[in-house]
Amino acid sequence: MLNKRHLPSITALQCFEAVTRHLSFTRAAEELNLTQSAVSKQVAQLEELLQHLLFRRVRRRLQMTPAGDLYLVEVRKILTQVEMSTHYLRSYGGETEVLRVSTPPTFGARWLVPRLKGWRLRHPHIHLDLCAEQEADELLQGGSDLAFYFGQGSRPGTECLKLFGEELVAVCSPDSLPTQPFTDPTQLTDLVLLQIASRPQAWHDWFDSQGHSTEHSYHGPRFDTFYMCIRAAQVGCGVALLPRFLVEEELADGKLVIAWPHAMSSTDAYYLAYPEHSAGVPKVRDFVKWMLEQIDDPS
């Protein structure tokens, strides 16, 4: 195992990356405002540490080795992250706190983001960072301060605040509907059932709630997010079973229509969760209060 004291320095990584772009120690040194010998020494020490040659000379020209190509990909990731982290910290004042909130992607874009308007004016020293949905254990491990999720209101070690439930409706583009109205919900299978990866049982349960069944309830293209499924339905790929509140805009604009007049209430709901030990943290408390106000006044 590599001793941490022997890990390469940022300067060594910068020298290596600069040489890969110029294929010249001299030009890399000019860019970094170092001497040519200093850059050469940094790269040599890096090669010794890695026990692989990163460059070779062919006809007096510098070329990268396969090991150098492989290492460059990782080095650029590291340097980019260091740069981003540095800009990230410099962009906030000493009194600014960062509140990390995870959310399902489509829920975040369609429901959460519109309800963040005005947050910055009321809480100028709390900077929001929104990220993709995380698992419960990641929340407890500090991956985020709060997490929106859909499911049951019980996550060990967390406080779970119920926001609202949902009802699922079958929607498709207006052009997808046949001229003769459907007389049976199972006829929707003629349009292709669009599937959501996180809700594999949805169509089966929707048909079952009406006393119907079909061998096609699990068939159809599968999408990872609601947003992709919404777009697929909108462009005529098939019929999608979606939470009504996520497609209100498309229904109002006529981009989507209800394919069959049956709405199924989900047994699960949307929740806002945060670690039990964070309940008294001011920034967490402020965000929870803000969200409760949005629920009470959805306009």
C-alpha atoms as a PDB file:
ATOM      1  CA  MET A   1       0.000   0.000   0.000  1.00  0.00           C
ATOM      2  CA  LEU A   2       1.314   3.445  -0.943  1.00  0.00           C
ATOM      3  CA  ASN A   3       2.371   5.555   2.004  1.00  0.00           C
ATOM      4  CA  LYS A   4       0.377   8.780   2.054  1.00  0.00           C
ATOM      5  CA  ARG A   5       3.573  10.748   2.603  1.00  0.00           C
ATOM      6  CA  HIS A   6       4.777   9.452  -0.752  1.00  0.00           C
ATOM      7  CA  LEU A   7       1.737  10.515  -2.758  1.00  0.00           C
ATOM      8  CA  PRO A   8       2.512  12.859  -5.673  1.00  0.00           C
ATOM      9  CA  SER A   9       2.218  16.578  -5.085  1.00  0.00           C
ATOM     10  CA  ILE A  10      -0.211  18.811  -6.948  1.00  0.00           C
ATOM     11  CA  THR A  11       2.824  20.505  -8.509  1.00  0.00           C
ATOM     12  CA  ALA A  12       3.998  17.170  -9.930  1.00  0.00           C
ATOM     13  CA  LEU A  13       0.556  16.479 -11.370  1.00  0.00           C
ATOM     14  CA  GLN A  14       0.388  19.960 -12.868  1.00  0.00           C
ATOM     15  CA  CYS A  15       3.802  19.513 -14.469  1.00  0.00           C
ATOM     16  CA  PHE A  16       2.817  16.147 -15.910  1.00  0.00           C
ATOM     17  CA  GLU A  17      -0.463  17.506 -17.303  1.00  0.00           C
ATOM     18  CA  ALA A  18       1.224  20.533 -18.858  1.00  0.00           C
ATOM     19  CA  VAL A  19       3.849  18.357 -20.542  1.00  0.00           C
ATOM     20  CA  THR A  20       1.121  16.120 -22.007  1.00  0.00           C
ATOM     21  CA  ARG A  21      -0.443  19.126 -23.723  1.00  0.00           C
ATOM     22  CA  HIS A  22       2.766  20.637 -25.078  1.00  0.00           C
ATOM     23  CA  LEU A  23       4.835  17.448 -25.431  1.00  0.00           C
ATOM     24  CA  SER A  24       7.682  19.690 -24.383  1.00  0.00           C
ATOM     25  CA  PHE A  25       9.306  20.216 -20.992  1.00  0.00           C
ATOM     26  CA  THR A  26      10.433  23.672 -22.045  1.00  0.00           C
ATOM     27  CA  ARG A  27       7.008  24.933 -23.076  1.00  0.00           C
ATOM     28  CA  ALA A  28       5.382  23.353 -20.023  1.00  0.00           C
ATOM     29  CA  ALA A  29       7.929  25.147 -17.830  1.00  0.00           C
ATOM     30  CA  GLU A  30       7.137  28.465 -19.493  1.00  0.00           C
ATOM     31  CA  GLU A  31       3.415  27.979 -18.856  1.00  0.00           C
ATOM     32  CA  LEU A  32       3.959  27.087 -15.193  1.00  0.00           C
ATOM     33  CA  ASN A  33       6.633  29.754 -14.663  1.00  0.00           C
ATOM     34  CA  LEU A  34       9.153  27.118 -13.622  1.00  0.00           C
ATOM     35  CA  THR A  35      12.532  26.111 -14.973  1.00  0.00           C
ATOM     36  CA  GLN A  36      12.801  23.321 -17.526  1.00  0.00           C
ATOM     37  CA  SER A  37      14.891  21.263 -15.122  1.00  0.00           C
ATOM     38  CA  ALA A  38      12.297  21.665 -12.344  1.00  0.00           C
ATOM     39  CA  VAL A  39       9.511  20.338 -14.575  1.00  0.00           C
ATOM     40  CA  SER A  40      11.686  17.490 -15.797  1.00  0.00           C
ATOM     41  CA  LYS A  41      12.584  16.585 -12.223  1.00  0.00           C
ATOM     42  CA  GLN A  42       8.927  16.595 -11.121  1.00  0.00           C
ATOM     43  CA  VAL A  43       7.964  14.229 -13.942  1.00  0.00           C
ATOM     44  CA  ALA A  44      10.958  11.960 -13.243  1.00  0.00           C
ATOM     45  CA  GLN A  45       9.988  11.741  -9.574  1.00  0.00           C
ATOM     46  CA  LEU A  46       6.431  10.946 -10.611  1.00  0.00           C
ATOM     47  CA  GLU A  47       7.635   8.137 -12.882  1.00  0.00           C
ATOM     48  CA  GLU A  48       9.773   6.751 -10.077  1.00  0.00           C
ATOM     49  CA  LEU A  49       6.832   6.816  -7.695  1.00  0.00           C
ATOM     50  CA  LEU A  50       4.510   5.136 -10.202  1.00  0.00           C
ATOM     51  CA  GLN A  51       7.203   2.740 -11.393  1.00  0.00           C
ATOM     52  CA  HIS A  52       6.083   3.404 -14.977  1.00  0.00           C
ATOM     53  CA  LEU A  53       7.476   5.584 -17.729  1.00  0.00           C
ATOM     54  CA  LEU A  54       5.011   8.310 -18.686  1.00  0.00           C
ATOM     55  CA  PHE A  55       6.906   9.639 -21.702  1.00  0.00           C
ATOM     56  CA  ARG A  56       9.455   8.341 -24.156  1.00  0.00           C
ATOM     57  CA  ARG A  57      11.578  10.066 -26.801  1.00  0.00           C
ATOM     58  CA  VAL A  58      11.096   8.988 -30.404  1.00  0.00           C
ATOM     59  CA  ARG A  59      13.323  10.714 -32.972  1.00  0.00           C
ATOM     60  CA  ARG A  60      14.051  13.466 -30.468  1.00  0.00           C
ATOM     61  CA  ARG A  61      10.322  14.089 -29.982  1.00  0.00           C
ATOM     62  CA  LEU A  62       8.396  13.462 -26.778  1.00  0.00           C
ATOM     63  CA  GLN A  63       5.586  10.890 -26.891  1.00  0.00           C
ATOM     64  CA  MET A  64       3.291   9.580 -24.186  1.00  0.00           C
ATOM     65  CA  THR A  65       3.393   5.941 -23.181  1.00  0.00           C
ATOM     66  CA  PRO A  66       0.218   3.848 -22.713  1.00  0.00           C
ATOM     67  CA  ALA A  67       0.707   4.248 -18.956  1.00  0.00           C
ATOM     68  CA  GLY A  68       0.924   8.006 -19.434  1.00  0.00           C
ATOM     69  CA  ASP A  69      -2.327   8.055 -21.405  1.00  0.00           C
ATOM     70  CA  LEU A  70      -4.063   6.085 -18.665  1.00  0.00           C
ATOM     71  CA  TYR A  71      -2.699   8.257 -15.868  1.00  0.00           C
ATOM     72  CA  LEU A  72      -3.611  11.480 -17.662  1.00  0.00           C
ATOM     73  CA  VAL A  73      -7.322  10.683 -17.491  1.00  0.00           C
ATOM     74  CA  GLU A  74      -7.172  10.374 -13.703  1.00  0.00           C
ATOM     75  CA  VAL A  75      -4.861  13.348 -13.217  1.00  0.00           C
ATOM     76  CA  ARG A  76      -7.188  15.660 -15.115  1.00  0.00           C
ATOM     77  CA  LYS A  77     -10.077  14.546 -12.921  1.00  0.00           C
ATOM     78  CA  ILE A  78      -8.023  15.335  -9.817  1.00  0.00           C
ATOM     79  CA  LEU A  79      -6.872  18.747 -11.031  1.00  0.00           C
ATOM     80  CA  THR A  80     -10.375  19.675 -12.145  1.00  0.00           C
ATOM     81  CA  GLN A  81     -11.786  18.721  -8.747  1.00  0.00           C
ATOM     82  CA  VAL A  82      -9.105  20.721  -6.932  1.00  0.00           C
ATOM     83  CA  GLU A  83      -9.855  23.744  -9.110  1.00  0.00           C
ATOM     84  CA  MET A  84     -13.610  23.431  -8.607  1.00  0.00           C
ATOM     85  CA  SER A  85     -13.227  23.002  -4.842  1.00  0.00           C
ATOM     86  CA  THR A  86     -11.008  26.071  -4.642  1.00  0.00           C
ATOM     87  CA  HIS A  87     -13.422  28.252  -6.624  1.00  0.00           C
ATOM     88  CA  TYR A  88     -16.282  26.784  -4.591  1.00  0.00           C
ATOM     89  CA  LEU A  89     -14.787  27.890  -1.286  1.00  0.00           C
ATOM     90  CA  ARG A  90     -13.660  31.290  -2.557  1.00  0.00           C
ATOM     91  CA  SER A  91     -17.134  32.096  -3.826  1.00  0.00           C
ATOM     92  CA  TYR A  92     -18.685  32.246  -0.346  1.00  0.00           C
ATOM     93  CA  GLY A  93     -18.176  34.699   2.459  1.00  0.00           C
ATOM     94  CA  GLY A  94     -17.080  33.637   5.916  1.00  0.00           C
ATOM     95  CA  GLU A  95     -20.640  33.675   7.239  1.00  0.00           C
ATOM     96  CA  THR A  96     -22.138  31.619   4.420  1.00  0.00           C
ATOM     97  CA  GLU A  97     -23.320  28.090   5.148  1.00  0.00           C
ATOM     98  CA  VAL A  98     -23.918  25.442   2.522  1.00  0.00           C
ATOM     99  CA  LEU A  99     -27.076  23.343   2.751  1.00  0.00           C
ATOM    100  CA  ARG A 100     -26.908  20.185   0.661  1.00  0.00           C
ATOM    101  CA  VAL A 101     -30.291  18.871  -0.468  1.00  0.00           C
ATOM    102  CA  SER A 102     -30.774  15.698  -2.496  1.00  0.00           C
ATOM    103  CA  THR A 103     -33.856  15.139  -4.618  1.00  0.00           C
ATOM    104  CA  PRO A 104     -35.218  12.815  -7.295  1.00  0.00           C
ATOM    105  CA  PRO A 105     -34.351  14.561 -10.595  1.00  0.00           C
ATOM    106  CA  THR A 106     -37.821  15.139 -12.087  1.00  0.00           C
ATOM    107  CA  PHE A 107     -39.373  15.919  -8.706  1.00  0.00           C
ATOM    108  CA  GLY A 108     -36.607  18.434  -8.115  1.00  0.00           C
ATOM    109  CA  ALA A 109     -37.036  20.142 -11.488  1.00  0.00           C
ATOM    110  CA  ARG A 110     -40.836  20.133 -11.596  1.00  0.00           C
ATOM    111  CA  TRP A 111     -41.886  20.595  -7.966  1.00  0.00           C
ATOM    112  CA  LEU A 112     -38.976  21.666  -5.792  1.00  0.00           C
ATOM    113  CA  VAL A 113     -37.132  24.287  -7.858  1.00  0.00           C
ATOM    114  CA  PRO A 114     -40.196  26.530  -8.446  1.00  0.00           C
ATOM    115  CA  ARG A 115     -40.722  26.564  -4.683  1.00  0.00           C
ATOM    116  CA  LEU A 116     -37.226  27.825  -3.956  1.00  0.00           C
ATOM    117  CA  LYS A 117     -37.980  31.264  -5.373  1.00  0.00           C
ATOM    118  CA  GLY A 118     -37.407  33.807  -2.628  1.00  0.00           C
ATOM    119  CA  TRP A 119     -35.274  31.509  -0.472  1.00  0.00           C
ATOM    120  CA  ARG A 120     -32.110  33.507  -1.114  1.00  0.00           C
ATOM    121  CA  LEU A 121     -33.778  36.772  -0.091  1.00  0.00           C
ATOM    122  CA  ARG A 122     -34.923  35.378   3.246  1.00  0.00           C
ATOM    123  CA  HIS A 123     -31.763  33.352   3.923  1.00  0.00           C
ATOM    124  CA  PRO A 124     -28.888  35.147   2.176  1.00  0.00           C
ATOM    125  CA  HIS A 125     -26.257  33.288   4.200  1.00  0.00           C
ATOM    126  CA  ILE A 126     -27.511  29.784   3.394  1.00  0.00           C
ATOM    127  CA  HIS A 127     -26.385  28.601  -0.015  1.00  0.00           C
ATOM    128  CA  LEU A 128     -28.377  25.686  -1.444  1.00  0.00           C
ATOM    129  CA  ASP A 129     -26.629  22.847  -3.245  1.00  0.00           C
ATOM    130  CA  LEU A 130     -29.061  20.459  -4.962  1.00  0.00           C
ATOM    131  CA  CYS A 131     -27.879  17.010  -5.982  1.00  0.00           C
ATOM    132  CA  ALA A 132     -29.304  13.752  -7.278  1.00  0.00           C
ATOM    133  CA  GLU A 133     -31.296  11.521  -4.932  1.00  0.00           C
ATOM    134  CA  GLN A 134     -29.255   9.567  -2.404  1.00  0.00           C
ATOM    135  CA  GLU A 135     -29.861   6.461  -0.351  1.00  0.00           C
ATOM    136  CA  ALA A 136     -30.810   6.727   3.324  1.00  0.00           C
ATOM    137  CA  ASP A 137     -27.402   5.579   4.553  1.00  0.00           C
ATOM    138  CA  GLU A 138     -25.723   8.302   2.456  1.00  0.00           C
ATOM    139  CA  LEU A 139     -27.890  10.873   4.214  1.00  0.00           C
ATOM    140  CA  LEU A 140     -26.714   9.576   7.584  1.00  0.00           C
ATOM    141  CA  GLN A 141     -23.105   9.557   6.404  1.00  0.00           C
ATOM    142  CA  GLY A 142     -23.238  13.246   5.545  1.00  0.00           C
ATOM    143  CA  GLY A 143     -23.717  13.005   1.797  1.00  0.00           C
ATOM    144  CA  SER A 144     -26.425  15.646   2.155  1.00  0.00           C
ATOM    145  CA  ASP A 145     -28.177  17.565   4.924  1.00  0.00           C
ATOM    146  CA  LEU A 146     -31.721  16.804   3.778  1.00  0.00           C
ATOM    147  CA  ALA A 147     -33.242  14.462   1.225  1.00  0.00           C
ATOM    148  CA  PHE A 148     -36.536  14.384  -0.622  1.00  0.00           C
ATOM    149  CA  TYR A 149     -37.707  10.894  -1.469  1.00  0.00           C
ATOM    150  CA  PHE A 150     -40.743   8.856  -2.468  1.00  0.00           C
ATOM    151  CA  GLY A 151     -41.668   5.863  -0.337  1.00  0.00           C
ATOM    152  CA  GLN A 152     -42.645   4.987   3.201  1.00  0.00           C
ATOM    153  CA  GLY A 153     -42.193   7.436   6.054  1.00  0.00           C
ATOM    154  CA  SER A 154     -39.666   5.379   7.951  1.00  0.00           C
ATOM    155  CA  ARG A 155     -35.907   5.627   7.602  1.00  0.00           C
ATOM    156  CA  PRO A 156     -33.744   4.552  10.554  1.00  0.00           C
ATOM    157  CA  GLY A 157     -31.899   7.400  12.191  1.00  0.00           C
ATOM    158  CA  THR A 158     -33.850  10.119  10.380  1.00  0.00           C
ATOM    159  CA  GLU A 159     -36.793  12.431  10.889  1.00  0.00           C
ATOM    160  CA  CYS A 160     -39.238  12.010   7.990  1.00  0.00           C
ATOM    161  CA  LEU A 161     -41.715  14.766   7.223  1.00  0.00           C
ATOM    162  CA  LYS A 162     -44.622  13.749   4.973  1.00  0.00           C
ATOM    163  CA  LEU A 163     -45.245  16.273   2.213  1.00  0.00           C
ATOM    164  CA  PHE A 164     -48.034  14.858   0.023  1.00  0.00           C
ATOM    165  CA  GLY A 165     -49.239  11.783  -1.809  1.00  0.00           C
ATOM    166  CA  GLU A 166     -49.754  11.330  -5.519  1.00  0.00           C
ATOM    167  CA  GLU A 167     -52.135   9.888  -8.057  1.00  0.00           C
ATOM    168  CA  LEU A 168     -50.994   8.171 -11.220  1.00  0.00           C
ATOM    169  CA  VAL A 169     -52.643   8.932 -14.546  1.00  0.00           C
ATOM    170  CA  ALA A 170     -52.127   7.402 -17.987  1.00  0.00           C
ATOM    171  CA  VAL A 171     -51.032  10.080 -20.456  1.00  0.00           C
ATOM    172  CA  CYS A 172     -49.957  10.203 -24.087  1.00  0.00           C
ATOM    173  CA  SER A 173     -49.621  12.698 -26.916  1.00  0.00           C
ATOM    174  CA  PRO A 174     -52.914  13.792 -28.539  1.00  0.00           C
ATOM    175  CA  ASP A 175     -51.800  12.283 -31.838  1.00  0.00           C
ATOM    176  CA  SER A 176     -51.369   8.859 -30.241  1.00  0.00           C
ATOM    177  CA  LEU A 177     -55.048   8.442 -29.406  1.00  0.00           C
ATOM    178  CA  PRO A 178     -57.136   6.468 -31.929  1.00  0.00           C
ATOM    179  CA  THR A 179     -60.137   8.070 -33.614  1.00  0.00           C
ATOM    180  CA  GLN A 180     -62.435   5.638 -31.827  1.00  0.00           C
ATOM    181  CA  PRO A 181     -62.321   6.066 -28.015  1.00  0.00           C
ATOM    182  CA  PHE A 182     -61.028   3.174 -25.934  1.00  0.00           C
ATOM    183  CA  THR A 183     -63.711   1.018 -24.333  1.00  0.00           C
ATOM    184  CA  ASP A 184     -61.352  -0.974 -22.127  1.00  0.00           C
ATOM    185  CA  PRO A 185     -58.151   0.155 -20.345  1.00  0.00           C
ATOM    186  CA  THR A 186     -56.239  -2.882 -21.616  1.00  0.00           C
ATOM    187  CA  GLN A 187     -56.519  -1.393 -25.106  1.00  0.00           C
ATOM    188  CA  LEU A 188     -53.794   1.033 -24.034  1.00  0.00           C
ATOM    189  CA  THR A 189     -51.313  -1.775 -24.713  1.00  0.00           C
ATOM    190  CA  ASP A 190     -51.832  -1.029 -28.407  1.00  0.00           C
ATOM    191  CA  LEU A 191     -49.981   2.272 -27.813  1.00  0.00           C
ATOM    192  CA  VAL A 192     -46.968   0.665 -26.053  1.00  0.00           C
ATOM    193  CA  LEU A 193     -46.693   0.969 -22.280  1.00  0.00           C
ATOM    194  CA  LEU A 194     -43.777   3.174 -21.261  1.00  0.00           C
ATOM    195  CA  GLN A 195     -42.095   1.839 -18.122  1.00  0.00           C
ATOM    196  CA  ILE A 196     -40.348   3.616 -15.235  1.00  0.00           C
ATOM    197  CA  ALA A 197     -37.388   1.708 -13.820  1.00  0.00           C
ATOM    198  CA  SER A 198     -38.200   2.724 -10.229  1.00  0.00           C
ATOM    199  CA  ARG A 199     -41.861   1.666 -10.552  1.00  0.00           C
ATOM    200  CA  PRO A 200     -41.814  -1.782 -12.240  1.00  0.00           C
ATOM    201  CA  GLN A 201     -45.197  -2.719 -10.743  1.00  0.00           C
ATOM    202  CA  ALA A 202     -46.996   0.494 -11.678  1.00  0.00           C
ATOM    203  CA  TRP A 203     -48.870  -0.629 -14.786  1.00  0.00           C
ATOM    204  CA  HIS A 204     -49.789  -3.986 -13.259  1.00  0.00           C
ATOM    205  CA  ASP A 205     -51.221  -2.272 -10.166  1.00  0.00           C
ATOM    206  CA  TRP A 206     -53.027   0.335 -12.270  1.00  0.00           C
ATOM    207  CA  PHE A 207     -54.814  -2.324 -14.333  1.00  0.00           C
ATOM    208  CA  ASP A 208     -55.491  -4.422 -11.226  1.00  0.00           C
ATOM    209  CA  SER A 209     -57.082  -1.462  -9.410  1.00  0.00           C
ATOM    210  CA  GLN A 210     -59.729  -1.481 -12.165  1.00  0.00           C
ATOM    211  CA  GLY A 211     -60.255  -5.239 -12.100  1.00  0.00           C
ATOM    212  CA  HIS A 212     -58.256  -5.837 -15.283  1.00  0.00           C
ATOM    213  CA  SER A 213     -55.039  -7.586 -16.120  1.00  0.00           C
ATOM    214  CA  THR A 214     -52.843  -7.917 -19.180  1.00  0.00           C
ATOM    215  CA  GLU A 215     -49.754  -9.913 -20.003  1.00  0.00           C
ATOM    216  CA  HIS A 216     -48.253  -6.712 -21.428  1.00  0.00           C
ATOM    217  CA  SER A 217     -48.197  -4.701 -18.188  1.00  0.00           C
ATOM    218  CA  TYR A 218     -44.430  -5.205 -17.813  1.00  0.00           C
ATOM    219  CA  HIS A 219     -43.627  -4.831 -21.515  1.00  0.00           C
ATOM    220  CA  GLY A 220     -42.317  -1.672 -23.135  1.00  0.00           C
ATOM    221  CA  PRO A 221     -39.248   0.575 -23.180  1.00  0.00           C
ATOM    222  CA  ARG A 222     -37.918   1.369 -19.726  1.00  0.00           C
ATOM    223  CA  PHE A 223     -36.762   4.816 -18.595  1.00  0.00           C
ATOM    224  CA  ASP A 224     -34.598   5.769 -15.657  1.00  0.00           C
ATOM    225  CA  THR A 225     -36.322   9.078 -14.865  1.00  0.00           C
ATOM    226  CA  PHE A 226     -39.841  10.458 -15.053  1.00  0.00           C
ATOM    227  CA  TYR A 227     -38.567  13.301 -17.208  1.00  0.00           C
ATOM    228  CA  MET A 228     -37.396  10.929 -19.937  1.00  0.00           C
ATOM    229  CA  CYS A 229     -40.705   9.088 -19.762  1.00  0.00           C
ATOM    230  CA  ILE A 230     -42.638  12.355 -20.041  1.00  0.00           C
ATOM    231  CA  ARG A 231     -40.688  13.295 -23.150  1.00  0.00           C
ATOM    232  CA  ALA A 232     -41.181   9.835 -24.640  1.00  0.00           C
ATOM    233  CA  ALA A 233     -44.944  10.110 -24.193  1.00  0.00           C
ATOM    234  CA  GLN A 234     -44.959  13.649 -25.542  1.00  0.00           C
ATOM    235  CA  VAL A 235     -43.232  12.686 -28.802  1.00  0.00           C
ATOM    236  CA  GLY A 236     -45.542   9.717 -29.357  1.00  0.00           C
ATOM    237  CA  CYS A 237     -43.473   6.749 -28.162  1.00  0.00           C
ATOM    238  CA  GLY A 238     -46.394   5.360 -26.175  1.00  0.00           C
ATOM    239  CA  VAL A 239     -48.524   5.891 -23.094  1.00  0.00           C
ATOM    240  CA  ALA A 240     -46.958   6.677 -19.711  1.00  0.00           C
ATOM    241  CA  LEU A 241     -48.272   6.184 -16.197  1.00  0.00           C
ATOM    242  CA  LEU A 242     -47.119   9.264 -14.314  1.00  0.00           C
ATOM    243  CA  PRO A 243     -47.821  11.293 -11.165  1.00  0.00           C
ATOM    244  CA  ARG A 244     -50.358  13.934 -12.193  1.00  0.00           C
ATOM    245  CA  PHE A 245     -48.484  16.787 -10.486  1.00  0.00           C
ATOM    246  CA  LEU A 246     -45.417  16.105 -12.662  1.00  0.00           C
ATOM    247  CA  VAL A 247     -47.337  16.554 -15.918  1.00  0.00           C
ATOM    248  CA  GLU A 248     -49.751  19.352 -15.023  1.00  0.00           C
ATOM    249  CA  GLU A 249     -47.911  21.735 -17.339  1.00  0.00           C
ATOM    250  CA  GLU A 250     -48.104  19.392 -20.347  1.00  0.00           C
ATOM    251  CA  LEU A 251     -51.762  18.598 -19.683  1.00  0.00           C
ATOM    252  CA  ALA A 252     -52.629  22.282 -19.433  1.00  0.00           C
ATOM    253  CA  ASP A 253     -50.775  23.053 -22.672  1.00  0.00           C
ATOM    254  CA  GLY A 254     -52.348  20.131 -24.516  1.00  0.00           C
ATOM    255  CA  LYS A 255     -48.978  18.495 -25.141  1.00  0.00           C
ATOM    256  CA  LEU A 256     -50.257  15.460 -23.244  1.00  0.00           C
ATOM    257  CA  VAL A 257     -53.777  14.166 -22.721  1.00  0.00           C
ATOM    258  CA  ILE A 258     -55.352  11.667 -20.368  1.00  0.00           C
ATOM    259  CA  ALA A 259     -55.482   8.372 -22.240  1.00  0.00           C
ATOM    260  CA  TRP A 260     -57.945   6.676 -19.860  1.00  0.00           C
ATOM    261  CA  PRO A 261     -59.993   8.399 -17.114  1.00  0.00           C
ATOM    262  CA  HIS A 262     -58.731   6.484 -14.107  1.00  0.00           C
ATOM    263  CA  ALA A 263     -56.391   7.880 -11.466  1.00  0.00           C
ATOM    264  CA  MET A 264     -54.739   5.521  -9.009  1.00  0.00           C
ATOM    265  CA  SER A 265     -53.622   6.842  -5.640  1.00  0.00           C
ATOM    266  CA  SER A 266     -50.220   5.582  -4.583  1.00  0.00           C
ATOM    267  CA  THR A 267     -49.775   3.889  -1.232  1.00  0.00           C
ATOM    268  CA  ASP A 268     -46.452   5.739  -0.807  1.00  0.00           C
ATOM    269  CA  ALA A 269     -45.881   9.464  -0.501  1.00  0.00           C
ATOM    270  CA  TYR A 270     -43.217  12.146  -0.856  1.00  0.00           C
ATOM    271  CA  TYR A 271     -41.149  12.902   2.227  1.00  0.00           C
ATOM    272  CA  LEU A 272     -38.435  15.256   3.375  1.00  0.00           C
ATOM    273  CA  ALA A 273     -35.880  13.510   5.586  1.00  0.00           C
ATOM    274  CA  TYR A 274     -32.937  14.660   7.658  1.00  0.00           C
ATOM    275  CA  PRO A 275     -30.756  12.969  10.322  1.00  0.00           C
ATOM    276  CA  GLU A 276     -32.236  12.967  13.812  1.00  0.00           C
ATOM    277  CA  HIS A 277     -29.126  14.662  15.205  1.00  0.00           C
ATOM    278  CA  SER A 278     -29.622  17.563  12.736  1.00  0.00           C
ATOM    279  CA  ALA A 279     -33.095  18.511  13.941  1.00  0.00           C
ATOM    280  CA  GLY A 280     -31.769  21.451  15.926  1.00  0.00           C
ATOM    281  CA  VAL A 281     -29.325  22.734  13.307  1.00  0.00           C
ATOM    282  CA  PRO A 282     -30.527  26.236  12.298  1.00  0.00           C
ATOM    283  CA  LYS A 283     -30.034  25.844   8.518  1.00  0.00           C
ATOM    284  CA  VAL A 284     -31.905  22.523   8.512  1.00  0.00           C
ATOM    285  CA  ARG A 285     -34.682  23.945  10.671  1.00  0.00           C
ATOM    286  CA  ASP A 286     -34.996  26.971   8.368  1.00  0.00           C
ATOM    287  CA  PHE A 287     -35.310  24.789   5.272  1.00  0.00           C
ATOM    288  CA  VAL A 288     -37.936  22.544   6.856  1.00  0.00           C
ATOM    289  CA  LYS A 289     -39.935  25.606   7.872  1.00  0.00           C
ATOM    290  CA  TRP A 290     -39.680  26.967   4.325  1.00  0.00           C
ATOM    291  CA  MET A 291     -40.936  23.712   2.828  1.00  0.00           C
ATOM    292  CA  LEU A 292     -43.876  23.545   5.211  1.00  0.00           C
ATOM    293  CA  GLU A 293     -44.860  27.052   4.136  1.00  0.00           C
ATOM    294  CA  GLN A 294     -44.773  25.936   0.492  1.00  0.00           C
ATOM    295  CA  ILE A 295     -47.058  23.005   1.257  1.00  0.00           C
ATOM    296  CA  ASP A 296     -49.518  25.241   3.125  1.00  0.00           C
ATOM    297  CA  ASP A 297     -49.453  27.812   0.326  1.00  0.00           C
ATOM    298  CA  PRO A 298     -48.797  25.886  -2.932  1.00  0.00           C
ATOM    299  CA  SER A 299     -49.376  28.987  -5.070  1.00  0.00           C
END
